[in-house]
PDB file of N, CA and C in Angstrom:
ATOM      1  N   MET A   1     -62.115  12.588 -30.494  1.00  0.00           N
ATOM      2  CA  MET A   1     -63.170  11.845 -30.623  1.00  0.00           C
ATOM      3  C   MET A   1     -64.311  11.813 -29.757  1.00  0.00           C
ATOM      4  N   ALA A   2     -64.130  11.258 -28.476  1.00  0.00           N
ATOM      5  CA  ALA A   2     -64.511  10.828 -27.215  1.00  0.00           C
ATOM      6  C   ALA A   2     -65.818  12.344 -27.050  1.00  0.00           C
ATOM      7  N   ASP A   3     -65.425  12.655 -26.849  1.00  0.00           N
ATOM      8  CA  ASP A   3     -66.354  14.119 -27.332  1.00  0.00           C
ATOM      9  C   ASP A   3     -66.739  14.595 -27.906  1.00  0.00           C
ATOM     10  N   THR A   4     -66.455  14.305 -28.821  1.00  0.00           N
ATOM     11  CA  THR A   4     -67.591  14.384 -30.163  1.00  0.00           C
ATOM     12  C   THR A   4     -69.035  13.884 -29.888  1.00  0.00           C
ATOM     13  N   GLU A   5     -68.461  12.379 -29.461  1.00  0.00           N
ATOM     14  CA  GLU A   5     -69.075  11.242 -29.790  1.00  0.00           C
ATOM     15  C   GLU A   5     -70.500  11.517 -28.387  1.00  0.00           C
ATOM     16  N   LYS A   6     -69.879  11.996 -27.387  1.00  0.00           N
ATOM     17  CA  LYS A   6     -70.906  12.770 -26.060  1.00  0.00           C
ATOM     18  C   LYS A   6     -71.519  13.765 -26.209  1.00  0.00           C
ATOM     19  N   ASN A   7     -71.151  14.787 -27.144  1.00  0.00           N
ATOM     20  CA  ASN A   7     -71.487  15.746 -27.159  1.00  0.00           C
ATOM     21  C   ASN A   7     -73.260  15.751 -28.836  1.00  0.00           C
ATOM     22  N   VAL A   8     -72.295  14.644 -29.160  1.00  0.00           N
ATOM     23  CA  VAL A   8     -73.370  14.075 -30.263  1.00  0.00           C
ATOM     24  C   VAL A   8     -74.895  13.643 -29.685  1.00  0.00           C
ATOM     25  N   ASP A   9     -74.141  12.145 -28.687  1.00  0.00           N
ATOM     26  CA  ASP A   9     -75.357  11.635 -27.564  1.00  0.00           C
ATOM     27  C   ASP A   9     -75.731  12.771 -26.671  1.00  0.00           C
ATOM     28  N   ALA A  10     -75.056  13.568 -26.737  1.00  0.00           N
ATOM     29  CA  ALA A  10     -76.525  14.452 -25.256  1.00  0.00           C
ATOM     30  C   ALA A  10     -76.999  15.563 -26.434  1.00  0.00           C
ATOM     31  N   LEU A  11     -76.740  16.104 -28.460  1.00  0.00           N
ATOM     32  CA  LEU A  11     -77.535  16.493 -28.551  1.00  0.00           C
ATOM     33  C   LEU A  11     -78.840  15.983 -29.293  1.00  0.00           C
ATOM     34  N   ALA A  12     -78.413  13.933 -29.319  1.00  0.00           N
ATOM     35  CA  ALA A  12     -79.426  13.705 -29.743  1.00  0.00           C
ATOM     36  C   ALA A  12     -80.651  13.798 -28.425  1.00  0.00           C
ATOM     37  N   GLY A  13     -80.274  13.522 -27.113  1.00  0.00           N
ATOM     38  CA  GLY A  13     -80.896  13.604 -25.985  1.00  0.00           C
ATOM     39  C   GLY A  13     -81.432  14.782 -26.164  1.00  0.00           C
ATOM     40  N   GLU A  14     -81.182  16.272 -26.203  1.00  0.00           N
ATOM     41  CA  GLU A  14     -82.290  17.161 -25.916  1.00  0.00           C
ATOM     42  C   GLU A  14     -82.952  17.100 -27.367  1.00  0.00           C
ATOM     43  N   PHE A  15     -82.749  16.600 -28.608  1.00  0.00           N
ATOM     44  CA  PHE A  15     -83.671  17.278 -30.041  1.00  0.00           C
ATOM     45  C   PHE A  15     -85.107  15.873 -28.767  1.00  0.00           C
ATOM     46  N   LYS A  16     -84.539  14.642 -28.748  1.00  0.00           N
ATOM     47  CA  LYS A  16     -85.843  13.684 -27.946  1.00  0.00           C
ATOM     48  C   LYS A  16     -86.963  14.258 -27.332  1.00  0.00           C
ATOM     49  N   GLN A  17     -85.778  15.496 -26.561  1.00  0.00           N
ATOM     50  CA  GLN A  17     -87.055  16.438 -24.875  1.00  0.00           C
ATOM     51  C   GLN A  17     -87.302  17.080 -25.960  1.00  0.00           C
ATOM     52  N   LEU A  18     -86.774  17.802 -26.762  1.00  0.00           N
ATOM     53  CA  LEU A  18     -87.680  18.944 -27.806  1.00  0.00           C
ATOM     54  C   LEU A  18     -89.192  18.249 -28.389  1.00  0.00           C
ATOM     55  N   ARG A  19     -88.431  16.597 -28.731  1.00  0.00           N
ATOM     56  CA  ARG A  19     -89.544  16.197 -30.095  1.00  0.00           C
ATOM     57  C   ARG A  19     -90.850  15.746 -29.037  1.00  0.00           C
ATOM     58  N   SER A  20     -90.792  15.611 -27.837  1.00  0.00           N
ATOM     59  CA  SER A  20     -91.744  15.081 -26.626  1.00  0.00           C
ATOM     60  C   SER A  20     -92.209  16.420 -26.586  1.00  0.00           C
ATOM     61  N   GLU A  21     -91.535  17.427 -25.615  1.00  0.00           N
ATOM     62  CA  GLU A  21     -92.057  19.111 -25.670  1.00  0.00           C
ATOM     63  C   GLU A  21     -92.905  19.538 -26.648  1.00  0.00           C
ATOM     64  N   PHE A  22     -92.187  19.755 -28.060  1.00  0.00           N
ATOM     65  CA  PHE A  22     -93.441  20.325 -29.215  1.00  0.00           C
ATOM     66  C   PHE A  22     -94.425  19.161 -29.459  1.00  0.00           C
ATOM     67  N   ALA A  23     -94.382  17.816 -28.991  1.00  0.00           N
ATOM     68  CA  ALA A  23     -95.574  17.077 -29.343  1.00  0.00           C
ATOM     69  C   ALA A  23     -97.230  17.647 -27.915  1.00  0.00           C
ATOM     70  N   ARG A  24     -96.125  17.601 -26.928  1.00  0.00           N
ATOM     71  CA  ARG A  24     -96.539  18.214 -25.400  1.00  0.00           C
ATOM     72  C   ARG A  24     -97.884  19.607 -26.052  1.00  0.00           C
ATOM     73  N   ILE A  25     -96.716  20.206 -26.533  1.00  0.00           N
ATOM     74  CA  ILE A  25     -97.343  21.246 -27.056  1.00  0.00           C
ATOM     75  C   ILE A  25     -98.695  21.636 -28.291  1.00  0.00           C
ATOM     76  N   ALA A  26     -98.345  20.580 -29.062  1.00  0.00           N
ATOM     77  CA  ALA A  26     -99.692  20.532 -29.944  1.00  0.00           C
ATOM     78  C   ALA A  26    -100.602  19.864 -29.190  1.00  0.00           C
ATOM     79  N   GLN A  27    -100.739  18.819 -28.584  1.00  0.00           N
ATOM     80  CA  GLN A  27    -101.654  18.290 -28.065  1.00  0.00           C
ATOM     81  C   GLN A  27    -102.336  19.372 -27.124  1.00  0.00           C
ATOM     82  N   LEU A  28    -101.654  20.449 -26.715  1.00  0.00           N
ATOM     83  CA  LEU A  28    -102.494  21.279 -25.532  1.00  0.00           C
ATOM     84  C   LEU A  28    -102.697  22.246 -26.856  1.00  0.00           C
ATOM     85  N   LEU A  29    -102.408  22.828 -28.038  1.00  0.00           N
ATOM     86  CA  LEU A  29    -103.125  23.288 -28.908  1.00  0.00           C
ATOM     87  C   LEU A  29    -104.479  22.940 -29.607  1.00  0.00           C
ATOM     88  N   GLU A  30    -104.332  21.649 -29.427  1.00  0.00           N
ATOM     89  CA  GLU A  30    -105.141  20.834 -30.238  1.00  0.00           C
ATOM     90  C   GLU A  30    -106.511  20.961 -29.206  1.00  0.00           C
ATOM     91  N   GLN A  31    -106.256  20.600 -28.023  1.00  0.00           N
ATOM     92  CA  GLN A  31    -107.334  21.144 -26.548  1.00  0.00           C
ATOM     93  C   GLN A  31    -107.984  21.947 -26.750  1.00  0.00           C
ATOM     94  N   THR A  32    -107.228  23.030 -27.139  1.00  0.00           N
ATOM     95  CA  THR A  32    -107.604  24.863 -26.688  1.00  0.00           C
ATOM     96  C   THR A  32    -108.506  24.773 -27.851  1.00  0.00           C
ATOM     97  N   ALA A  33    -108.248  24.066 -29.323  1.00  0.00           N
ATOM     98  CA  ALA A  33    -108.485  24.529 -30.702  1.00  0.00           C
ATOM     99  C   ALA A  33    -110.305  23.777 -30.209  1.00  0.00           C
ATOM    100  N   ARG A  34    -110.216  23.414 -30.312  1.00  0.00           N
ATOM    101  CA  ARG A  34    -111.353  22.098 -29.598  1.00  0.00           C
ATOM    102  C   ARG A  34    -112.234  22.727 -28.929  1.00  0.00           C
ATOM    103  N   ALA A  35    -111.662  23.536 -27.511  1.00  0.00           N
ATOM    104  CA  ALA A  35    -112.770  24.548 -26.260  1.00  0.00           C
ATOM    105  C   ALA A  35    -113.036  24.728 -27.207  1.00  0.00           C
ATOM    106  N   ALA A  36    -112.250  26.253 -27.811  1.00  0.00           N
ATOM    107  CA  ALA A  36    -113.003  26.959 -28.342  1.00  0.00           C
ATOM    108  C   ALA A  36    -113.557  27.232 -29.507  1.00  0.00           C
ATOM    109  N   GLY A  37    -113.156  25.708 -30.123  1.00  0.00           N
ATOM    110  CA  GLY A  37    -114.536  25.803 -31.589  1.00  0.00           C
ATOM    111  C   GLY A  37    -115.609  25.617 -30.193  1.00  0.00           C
ATOM    112  N   SER A  38    -115.795  25.134 -29.270  1.00  0.00           N
ATOM    113  CA  SER A  38    -117.388  23.754 -28.958  1.00  0.00           C
ATOM    114  C   SER A  38    -117.816  25.105 -28.371  1.00  0.00           C
ATOM    115  N   GLU A  39    -117.079  25.861 -27.944  1.00  0.00           N
ATOM    116  CA  GLU A  39    -117.819  27.792 -27.140  1.00  0.00           C
ATOM    117  C   GLU A  39    -117.881  28.612 -28.347  1.00  0.00           C
ATOM    118  N   ALA A  40    -117.610  28.453 -29.331  1.00  0.00           N
ATOM    119  CA  ALA A  40    -118.202  29.318 -30.509  1.00  0.00           C
ATOM    120  C   ALA A  40    -119.313  28.670 -30.944  1.00  0.00           C
ATOM    121  N   ALA A  41    -119.275  27.306 -31.269  1.00  0.00           N
ATOM    122  CA  ALA A  41    -120.794  26.770 -31.635  1.00  0.00           C
ATOM    123  C   ALA A  41    -122.169  26.794 -30.691  1.00  0.00           C
ATOM    124  N   SER A  42    -121.171  27.532 -29.488  1.00  0.00           N
ATOM    125  CA  SER A  42    -122.823  27.469 -28.590  1.00  0.00           C
ATOM    126  C   SER A  42    -123.073  28.436 -28.298  1.00  0.00           C
ATOM    127  N   ARG A  43    -122.329  29.218 -28.940  1.00  0.00           N
ATOM    128  CA  ARG A  43    -122.319  31.216 -28.637  1.00  0.00           C
ATOM    129  C   ARG A  43    -123.577  31.282 -29.970  1.00  0.00           C
ATOM    130  N   ALA A  44    -122.745  30.695 -31.023  1.00  0.00           N
ATOM    131  CA  ALA A  44    -123.486  30.853 -32.257  1.00  0.00           C
ATOM    132  C   ALA A  44    -125.247  29.382 -31.950  1.00  0.00           C
ATOM    133  N   LYS A  45    -124.716  29.185 -31.172  1.00  0.00           N
ATOM    134  CA  LYS A  45    -126.075  27.975 -31.395  1.00  0.00           C
ATOM    135  C   LYS A  45    -127.508  29.302 -30.400  1.00  0.00           C
ATOM    136  N   ALA A  46    -126.910  29.643 -29.755  1.00  0.00           N
ATOM    137  CA  ALA A  46    -127.296  29.992 -28.925  1.00  0.00           C
ATOM    138  C   ALA A  46    -128.115  31.109 -29.442  1.00  0.00           C
ATOM    139  N   ALA A  47    -127.056  32.647 -30.134  1.00  0.00           N
ATOM    140  CA  ALA A  47    -127.740  33.635 -31.010  1.00  0.00           C
ATOM    141  C   ALA A  47    -128.394  33.608 -32.343  1.00  0.00           C
ATOM    142  N   GLY A  48    -127.984  32.360 -32.862  1.00  0.00           N
ATOM    143  CA  GLY A  48    -129.948  31.612 -33.848  1.00  0.00           C
ATOM    144  C   GLY A  48    -130.908  31.222 -33.117  1.00  0.00           C
ATOM    145  N   ASP A  49    -130.608  30.630 -31.950  1.00  0.00           N
ATOM    146  CA  ASP A  49    -132.113  29.911 -31.434  1.00  0.00           C
ATOM    147  C   ASP A  49    -132.645  31.607 -30.813  1.00  0.00           C
ATOM    148  N   TYR A  50    -131.625  33.174 -30.317  1.00  0.00           N
ATOM    149  CA  TYR A  50    -132.162  33.635 -30.294  1.00  0.00           C
ATOM    150  C   TYR A  50    -133.047  35.035 -30.742  1.00  0.00           C
ATOM    151  N   VAL A  51    -132.171  34.726 -32.418  1.00  0.00           N
ATOM    152  CA  VAL A  51    -133.010  35.078 -33.434  1.00  0.00           C
ATOM    153  C   VAL A  51    -134.659  34.950 -33.598  1.00  0.00           C
ATOM    154  N   TRP A  52    -134.021  33.337 -34.094  1.00  0.00           N
ATOM    155  CA  TRP A  52    -135.190  32.378 -34.241  1.00  0.00           C
ATOM    156  C   TRP A  52    -136.483  32.720 -33.401  1.00  0.00           C
ATOM    157  N   SER A  53    -136.161  33.142 -32.200  1.00  0.00           N
ATOM    158  CA  SER A  53    -137.436  33.510 -30.834  1.00  0.00           C
ATOM    159  C   SER A  53    -138.152  34.561 -30.898  1.00  0.00           C
ATOM    160  N   GLU A  54    -136.935  35.629 -31.871  1.00  0.00           N
ATOM    161  CA  GLU A  54    -137.643  37.460 -31.791  1.00  0.00           C
ATOM    162  C   GLU A  54    -138.384  37.451 -33.313  1.00  0.00           C
ATOM    163  N   THR A  55    -137.968  36.311 -34.541  1.00  0.00           N
ATOM    164  CA  THR A  55    -138.847  36.348 -35.375  1.00  0.00           C
ATOM    165  C   THR A  55    -139.963  35.581 -35.405  1.00  0.00           C
ATOM    166  N   GLN A  56    -139.846  34.105 -34.711  1.00  0.00           N
ATOM    167  CA  GLN A  56    -141.174  34.014 -34.552  1.00  0.00           C
ATOM    168  C   GLN A  56    -142.297  34.961 -33.981  1.00  0.00           C
ATOM    169  N   THR A  57    -141.691  35.547 -32.730  1.00  0.00           N
ATOM    170  CA  THR A  57    -142.195  36.642 -31.756  1.00  0.00           C
ATOM    171  C   THR A  57    -142.911  37.375 -32.886  1.00  0.00           C
ATOM    172  N   THR A  58    -142.065  38.088 -33.603  1.00  0.00           N
ATOM    173  CA  THR A  58    -142.246  39.266 -34.774  1.00  0.00           C
ATOM    174  C   THR A  58    -143.379  39.129 -35.664  1.00  0.00           C
ATOM    175  N   ALA A  59    -143.268  37.576 -36.494  1.00  0.00           N
ATOM    176  CA  ALA A  59    -144.283  36.641 -37.470  1.00  0.00           C
ATOM    177  C   ALA A  59    -145.770  36.656 -36.732  1.00  0.00           C
ATOM    178  N   ASP A  60    -145.210  36.218 -35.073  1.00  0.00           N
ATOM    179  CA  ASP A  60    -146.728  36.454 -34.627  1.00  0.00           C
ATOM    180  C   ASP A  60    -147.525  37.246 -34.670  1.00  0.00           C
ATOM    181  N   HIS A  61    -146.702  37.956 -34.115  1.00  0.00           N
ATOM    182  CA  HIS A  61    -147.349  39.821 -33.933  1.00  0.00           C
ATOM    183  C   HIS A  61    -147.930  40.837 -35.379  1.00  0.00           C
ATOM    184  N   VAL A  62    -147.089  40.122 -36.475  1.00  0.00           N
ATOM    185  CA  VAL A  62    -147.767  40.718 -37.938  1.00  0.00           C
ATOM    186  C   VAL A  62    -148.565  40.067 -38.340  1.00  0.00           C
ATOM    187  N   ALA A  63    -149.037  38.445 -37.410  1.00  0.00           N
ATOM    188  CA  ALA A  63    -150.279  37.771 -38.048  1.00  0.00           C
ATOM    189  C   ALA A  63    -151.374  38.239 -36.929  1.00  0.00           C
ATOM    190  N   GLU A  64    -151.279  38.957 -36.008  1.00  0.00           N
ATOM    191  CA  GLU A  64    -152.574  39.287 -34.849  1.00  0.00           C
ATOM    192  C   GLU A  64    -152.438  40.724 -35.868  1.00  0.00           C
ATOM    193  N   LYS A  65    -151.630  41.439 -35.540  1.00  0.00           N
ATOM    194  CA  LYS A  65    -152.007  42.807 -36.592  1.00  0.00           C
ATOM    195  C   LYS A  65    -153.272  42.825 -37.672  1.00  0.00           C
ATOM    196  N   ILE A  66    -152.514  41.634 -38.877  1.00  0.00           N
ATOM    197  CA  ILE A  66    -153.653  41.441 -40.395  1.00  0.00           C
ATOM    198  C   ILE A  66    -154.915  41.045 -39.631  1.00  0.00           C
ATOM    199  N   ARG A  67    -154.454  40.289 -38.788  1.00  0.00           N
ATOM    200  CA  ARG A  67    -156.138  39.534 -38.130  1.00  0.00           C
ATOM    201  C   ARG A  67    -157.135  40.661 -37.490  1.00  0.00           C
ATOM    202  N   GLU A  68    -156.647  41.806 -37.280  1.00  0.00           N
ATOM    203  CA  GLU A  68    -157.090  42.287 -36.171  1.00  0.00           C
ATOM    204  C   GLU A  68    -157.442  43.875 -37.565  1.00  0.00           C
ATOM    205  N   GLN A  69    -157.027  43.859 -39.224  1.00  0.00           N
ATOM    206  CA  GLN A  69    -157.504  44.418 -39.788  1.00  0.00           C
ATOM    207  C   GLN A  69    -157.127  44.373 -40.500  1.00  0.00           C
ATOM    208  N   PRO A  70    -157.841  43.770 -41.257  1.00  0.00           N
ATOM    209  CA  PRO A  70    -157.143  43.322 -42.488  1.00  0.00           C
ATOM    210  C   PRO A  70    -157.671  44.270 -44.030  1.00  0.00           C
ATOM    211  N   LEU A  71    -158.709  45.030 -43.516  1.00  0.00           N
ATOM    212  CA  LEU A  71    -158.368  46.274 -44.531  1.00  0.00           C
ATOM    213  C   LEU A  71    -157.774  47.140 -44.936  1.00  0.00           C
ATOM    214  N   ALA A  72    -156.447  47.049 -44.073  1.00  0.00           N
ATOM    215  CA  ALA A  72    -155.762  48.130 -43.141  1.00  0.00           C
ATOM    216  C   ALA A  72    -154.600  47.909 -43.748  1.00  0.00           C
ATOM    217  N   SER A  73    -154.182  45.967 -43.452  1.00  0.00           N
ATOM    218  CA  SER A  73    -152.847  45.491 -44.576  1.00  0.00           C
ATOM    219  C   SER A  73    -152.946  45.528 -45.304  1.00  0.00           C
ATOM    220  N   ALA A  74    -154.426  44.796 -45.456  1.00  0.00           N
ATOM    221  CA  ALA A  74    -153.755  44.533 -47.407  1.00  0.00           C
ATOM    222  C   ALA A  74    -153.753  46.138 -47.885  1.00  0.00           C
ATOM    223  N   GLY A  75    -154.349  47.517 -47.881  1.00  0.00           N
ATOM    224  CA  GLY A  75    -153.547  48.344 -48.353  1.00  0.00           C
ATOM    225  C   GLY A  75    -152.068  48.924 -48.266  1.00  0.00           C
ATOM    226  N   VAL A  76    -151.207  48.357 -46.473  1.00  0.00           N
ATOM    227  CA  VAL A  76    -150.344  48.649 -47.331  1.00  0.00           C
ATOM    228  C   VAL A  76    -150.070  47.605 -47.701  1.00  0.00           C
ATOM    229  N   ALA A  77    -149.968  46.085 -47.472  1.00  0.00           N
ATOM    230  CA  ALA A  77    -149.151  46.034 -48.810  1.00  0.00           C
ATOM    231  C   ALA A  77    -149.006  45.953 -49.893  1.00  0.00           C
ATOM    232  N   PHE A  78    -150.763  46.164 -50.487  1.00  0.00           N
ATOM    233  CA  PHE A  78    -150.226  46.940 -51.700  1.00  0.00           C
ATOM    234  C   PHE A  78    -149.653  47.760 -51.635  1.00  0.00           C
ATOM    235  N   GLY A  79    -149.522  49.018 -50.819  1.00  0.00           N
ATOM    236  CA  GLY A  79    -148.868  50.291 -51.445  1.00  0.00           C
ATOM    237  C   GLY A  79    -146.925  49.498 -51.332  1.00  0.00           C
ATOM    238  N   VAL A  80    -146.981  48.497 -50.543  1.00  0.00           N
ATOM    239  CA  VAL A  80    -145.527  48.481 -50.339  1.00  0.00           C
ATOM    240  C   VAL A  80    -145.106  48.089 -51.492  1.00  0.00           C
ATOM    241  N   GLY A  81    -146.259  46.916 -51.785  1.00  0.00           N
ATOM    242  CA  GLY A  81    -146.265  46.437 -53.791  1.00  0.00           C
ATOM    243  C   GLY A  81    -145.719  47.063 -54.546  1.00  0.00           C
ATOM    244  N   VAL A  82    -146.486  48.410 -55.157  1.00  0.00           N
ATOM    245  CA  VAL A  82    -146.170  49.540 -56.108  1.00  0.00           C
ATOM    246  C   VAL A  82    -145.286  50.234 -55.388  1.00  0.00           C
ATOM    247  N   LEU A  83    -145.072  50.333 -54.175  1.00  0.00           N
ATOM    248  CA  LEU A  83    -143.724  51.008 -54.630  1.00  0.00           C
ATOM    249  C   LEU A  83    -141.955  50.174 -54.913  1.00  0.00           C
ATOM    250  N   LEU A  84    -141.692  49.085 -54.235  1.00  0.00           N
ATOM    251  CA  LEU A  84    -141.201  47.732 -54.568  1.00  0.00           C
ATOM    252  C   LEU A  84    -141.317  47.679 -56.291  1.00  0.00           C
ATOM    253  N   GLY A  85    -142.653  47.846 -56.684  1.00  0.00           N
ATOM    254  CA  GLY A  85    -142.222  47.628 -58.212  1.00  0.00           C
ATOM    255  C   GLY A  85    -142.032  48.949 -59.060  1.00  0.00           C
ATOM    256  N   LEU A  86    -142.465  50.172 -58.434  1.00  0.00           N
ATOM    257  CA  LEU A  86    -142.070  51.586 -58.969  1.00  0.00           C
ATOM    258  C   LEU A  86    -140.059  51.489 -58.737  1.00  0.00           C
ATOM    259  N   ILE A  87    -139.250  50.835 -57.785  1.00  0.00           N
ATOM    260  CA  ILE A  87    -138.307  50.849 -57.479  1.00  0.00           C
ATOM    261  C   ILE A  87    -137.525  49.932 -58.005  1.00  0.00           C
ATOM    262  N   PHE A  88    -137.698  48.709 -58.340  1.00  0.00           N
ATOM    263  CA  PHE A  88    -136.676  47.585 -59.403  1.00  0.00           C
ATOM    264  C   PHE A  88    -137.678  47.153 -60.687  1.00  0.00           C
ATOM    265  N   GLY A  89    -138.960  47.778 -61.041  1.00  0.00           N
ATOM    266  CA  GLY A  89    -139.438  48.213 -62.610  1.00  0.00           C
ATOM    267  C   GLY A  89    -138.414  49.421 -63.076  1.00  0.00           C
ATOM    268  N   GLY A  90    -138.565  50.491 -62.463  1.00  0.00           N
ATOM    269  CA  GLY A  90    -137.984  51.361 -63.400  1.00  0.00           C
ATOM    270  C   GLY A  90    -136.136  51.242 -63.893  1.00  0.00           C
ATOM    271  N   ARG A  91    -135.749  50.152 -63.023  1.00  0.00           N
ATOM    272  CA  ARG A  91    -133.829  49.744 -63.380  1.00  0.00           C
ATOM    273  C   ARG A  91    -134.503  49.299 -64.720  1.00  0.00           C
ATOM    274  N   ARG A  92    -135.547  49.452 -65.132  1.00  0.00           N
ATOM    275  CA  ARG A  92    -135.111  47.867 -66.382  1.00  0.00           C
ATOM    276  C   ARG A  92    -134.509  48.380 -67.164  1.00  0.00           C
TER     277      ARG A  92
END
């Protein structure tokens, strides 16, 4: 019976140590996930900033072309409108 109690005490000690190790592993996983999430958020923000910058540059370029050639721009806009009307209006 003494051996059994020793074994039970040894198992209890091992379980305590395992519990401590699992807690440490969980903490490390949480820290890793937060760091990865932060890095992913930073990358997404950088990509969004780049896309927004490119969009603004393109919009400024288009606006400049419209100011330089208003009649040609109006003609192109009209043609695109007619084409889209034919494409989407013909499906009714």
